[in-house]
C-alpha cells in the first residue's frame, strides 16, 4: 500500500521565522525522555505528525546555522520545555 503526504505551508525561513499550526480540536501528545545517551520520543499520531511538519519546514527552509525552535511537552506552552531542535548545516566532523 502506498500513501501520499502533502503539506503546504508558508516558508518564513528567509525572515528567520517559522509558523506552526495547531488545532484546538486535536490533542497532540509528545514527550521526550533521556535514558543514558538514548533519546526516546513518544507521541500519538497527531503529535508525531506535528513534529514531522516542524522538521520538514526546517529541512526545506533556508535557515541560518543556529536557528532553533523550542518544543514543550505535548506542544503545550504551560508544560515544561522538553526538546530544542537546531539547524546546523556546517560539515560534521
C-alpha atoms as a PDB file:
ATOM      1  CA  UNK A   1       0.000   0.000   0.000  1.00  0.00           C
ATOM      2  CA  UNK A   2       1.316   3.424  -0.922  1.00  0.00           C
ATOM      3  CA  UNK A   3       0.376   6.608   0.854  1.00  0.00           C
ATOM      4  CA  UNK A   4       0.988  10.179  -0.155  1.00  0.00           C
ATOM      5  CA  UNK A   5       1.726  13.022   2.231  1.00  0.00           C
ATOM      6  CA  UNK A   6       1.104  16.584   1.055  1.00  0.00           C
ATOM      7  CA  UNK A   7       1.810  19.511   3.333  1.00  0.00           C
ATOM      8  CA  UNK A   8       1.518  23.140   2.327  1.00  0.00           C
ATOM      9  CA  UNK A   9       2.987  25.878   4.492  1.00  0.00           C
ATOM     10  CA  UNK A  10       4.370  29.370   4.165  1.00  0.00           C
ATOM     11  CA  UNK A  11       8.178  29.372   4.114  1.00  0.00           C
ATOM     12  CA  UNK A  12       9.280  32.098   6.516  1.00  0.00           C
ATOM     13  CA  UNK A  13      12.875  30.912   6.694  1.00  0.00           C
ATOM     14  CA  UNK A  14      14.343  33.936   4.920  1.00  0.00           C
ATOM     15  CA  UNK A  15      12.800  36.025   7.702  1.00  0.00           C
ATOM     16  CA  UNK A  16      14.355  33.714  10.311  1.00  0.00           C
ATOM     17  CA  UNK A  17      10.919  32.640  11.482  1.00  0.00           C
ATOM     18  CA  UNK A  18       8.677  29.604  11.444  1.00  0.00           C
ATOM     19  CA  UNK A  19       4.944  29.409  11.984  1.00  0.00           C
ATOM     20  CA  UNK A  20       3.364  26.164  13.140  1.00  0.00           C
ATOM     21  CA  UNK A  21      -0.348  25.470  13.047  1.00  0.00           C
ATOM     22  CA  UNK A  22      -2.100  23.579  15.805  1.00  0.00           C
ATOM     23  CA  UNK A  23      -5.707  22.564  16.026  1.00  0.00           C
ATOM     24  CA  UNK A  24      -7.730  23.218  19.137  1.00  0.00           C
ATOM     25  CA  UNK A  25      -9.739  20.124  18.250  1.00  0.00           C
ATOM     26  CA  UNK A  26      -6.884  17.590  18.347  1.00  0.00           C
ATOM     27  CA  UNK A  27      -4.688  16.655  21.233  1.00  0.00           C
ATOM     28  CA  UNK A  28      -1.078  16.432  20.122  1.00  0.00           C
ATOM     29  CA  UNK A  29       0.935  14.392  22.592  1.00  0.00           C
ATOM     30  CA  UNK A  30       4.720  14.436  22.518  1.00  0.00           C
ATOM     31  CA  UNK A  31       7.100  13.522  25.308  1.00  0.00           C
ATOM     32  CA  UNK A  32      10.893  13.373  25.098  1.00  0.00           C
ATOM     33  CA  UNK A  33      12.904  11.389  27.639  1.00  0.00           C
ATOM     34  CA  UNK A  34      16.585  10.612  28.015  1.00  0.00           C
ATOM     35  CA  UNK A  35      17.842   7.250  29.239  1.00  0.00           C
ATOM     36  CA  UNK A  36      21.617   7.262  29.414  1.00  0.00           C
ATOM     37  CA  UNK A  37      22.646   8.520  25.985  1.00  0.00           C
ATOM     38  CA  UNK A  38      19.456   7.358  24.263  1.00  0.00           C
ATOM     39  CA  UNK A  39      16.681   9.811  23.445  1.00  0.00           C
ATOM     40  CA  UNK A  40      13.126   8.495  23.440  1.00  0.00           C
ATOM     41  CA  UNK A  41      10.444  10.446  21.555  1.00  0.00           C
ATOM     42  CA  UNK A  42       6.959   9.192  22.311  1.00  0.00           C
ATOM     43  CA  UNK A  43       3.818  10.649  20.816  1.00  0.00           C
ATOM     44  CA  UNK A  44       0.388   9.950  19.495  1.00  0.00           C
ATOM     45  CA  UNK A  45      -0.319  10.189  15.759  1.00  0.00           C
ATOM     46  CA  UNK A  46      -1.181  13.876  15.926  1.00  0.00           C
ATOM     47  CA  UNK A  47       1.940  14.680  17.960  1.00  0.00           C
ATOM     48  CA  UNK A  48       4.288  12.801  15.664  1.00  0.00           C
ATOM     49  CA  UNK A  49       2.707  14.456  12.643  1.00  0.00           C
ATOM     50  CA  UNK A  50       3.157  17.904  14.206  1.00  0.00           C
ATOM     51  CA  UNK A  51       6.841  17.111  14.887  1.00  0.00           C
ATOM     52  CA  UNK A  52       7.279  15.839  11.322  1.00  0.00           C
ATOM     53  CA  UNK A  53       5.847  19.078   9.932  1.00  0.00           C
ATOM     54  CA  UNK A  54       8.307  21.111  12.028  1.00  0.00           C
ATOM     55  CA  UNK A  55      11.213  19.003  10.788  1.00  0.00           C
ATOM     56  CA  UNK A  56      10.064  19.349   7.163  1.00  0.00           C
ATOM     57  CA  UNK A  57       9.867  23.137   7.474  1.00  0.00           C
ATOM     58  CA  UNK A  58      13.351  23.286   8.983  1.00  0.00           C
ATOM     59  CA  UNK A  59      14.847  20.875   6.446  1.00  0.00           C
ATOM     60  CA  UNK A  60      13.294  22.585   3.417  1.00  0.00           C
ATOM     61  CA  UNK A  61      13.891  26.146   4.608  1.00  0.00           C
ATOM     62  CA  UNK A  62      16.865  28.446   4.240  1.00  0.00           C
ATOM     63  CA  UNK A  63      17.592  28.842   7.924  1.00  0.00           C
ATOM     64  CA  UNK A  64      20.935  30.099   9.156  1.00  0.00           C
ATOM     65  CA  UNK A  65      23.040  27.877  11.378  1.00  0.00           C
ATOM     66  CA  UNK A  66      21.895  28.248  14.942  1.00  0.00           C
ATOM     67  CA  UNK A  67      18.217  28.735  14.115  1.00  0.00           C
ATOM     68  CA  UNK A  68      16.274  26.691  16.626  1.00  0.00           C
ATOM     69  CA  UNK A  69      12.828  26.025  17.970  1.00  0.00           C
ATOM     70  CA  UNK A  70      11.760  25.140  21.480  1.00  0.00           C
ATOM     71  CA  UNK A  71       9.103  22.470  21.873  1.00  0.00           C
ATOM     72  CA  UNK A  72       7.144  21.997  25.070  1.00  0.00           C
ATOM     73  CA  UNK A  73       5.723  18.681  26.197  1.00  0.00           C
ATOM     74  CA  UNK A  74       2.506  17.986  24.262  1.00  0.00           C
ATOM     75  CA  UNK A  75       3.118  21.314  22.429  1.00  0.00           C
ATOM     76  CA  UNK A  76       1.538  22.949  25.483  1.00  0.00           C
ATOM     77  CA  UNK A  77       3.053  26.298  26.466  1.00  0.00           C
ATOM     78  CA  UNK A  78       2.115  25.652  30.084  1.00  0.00           C
ATOM     79  CA  UNK A  79       4.167  22.443  30.253  1.00  0.00           C
ATOM     80  CA  UNK A  80       7.933  22.049  30.533  1.00  0.00           C
ATOM     81  CA  UNK A  81      10.196  22.546  27.555  1.00  0.00           C
ATOM     82  CA  UNK A  82      11.485  19.142  26.530  1.00  0.00           C
ATOM     83  CA  UNK A  83      13.043  19.484  23.076  1.00  0.00           C
ATOM     84  CA  UNK A  84      15.187  22.023  21.229  1.00  0.00           C
ATOM     85  CA  UNK A  85      15.744  21.447  17.515  1.00  0.00           C
ATOM     86  CA  UNK A  86      18.668  23.348  15.970  1.00  0.00           C
ATOM     87  CA  UNK A  87      19.768  23.824  12.363  1.00  0.00           C
ATOM     88  CA  UNK A  88      23.456  23.097  11.752  1.00  0.00           C
ATOM     89  CA  UNK A  89      24.486  22.921   8.094  1.00  0.00           C
ATOM     90  CA  UNK A  90      28.190  23.033   8.851  1.00  0.00           C
ATOM     91  CA  UNK A  91      30.115  19.919   7.967  1.00  0.00           C
ATOM     92  CA  UNK A  92      30.097  17.289  10.666  1.00  0.00           C
ATOM     93  CA  UNK A  93      33.468  16.148  11.915  1.00  0.00           C
END
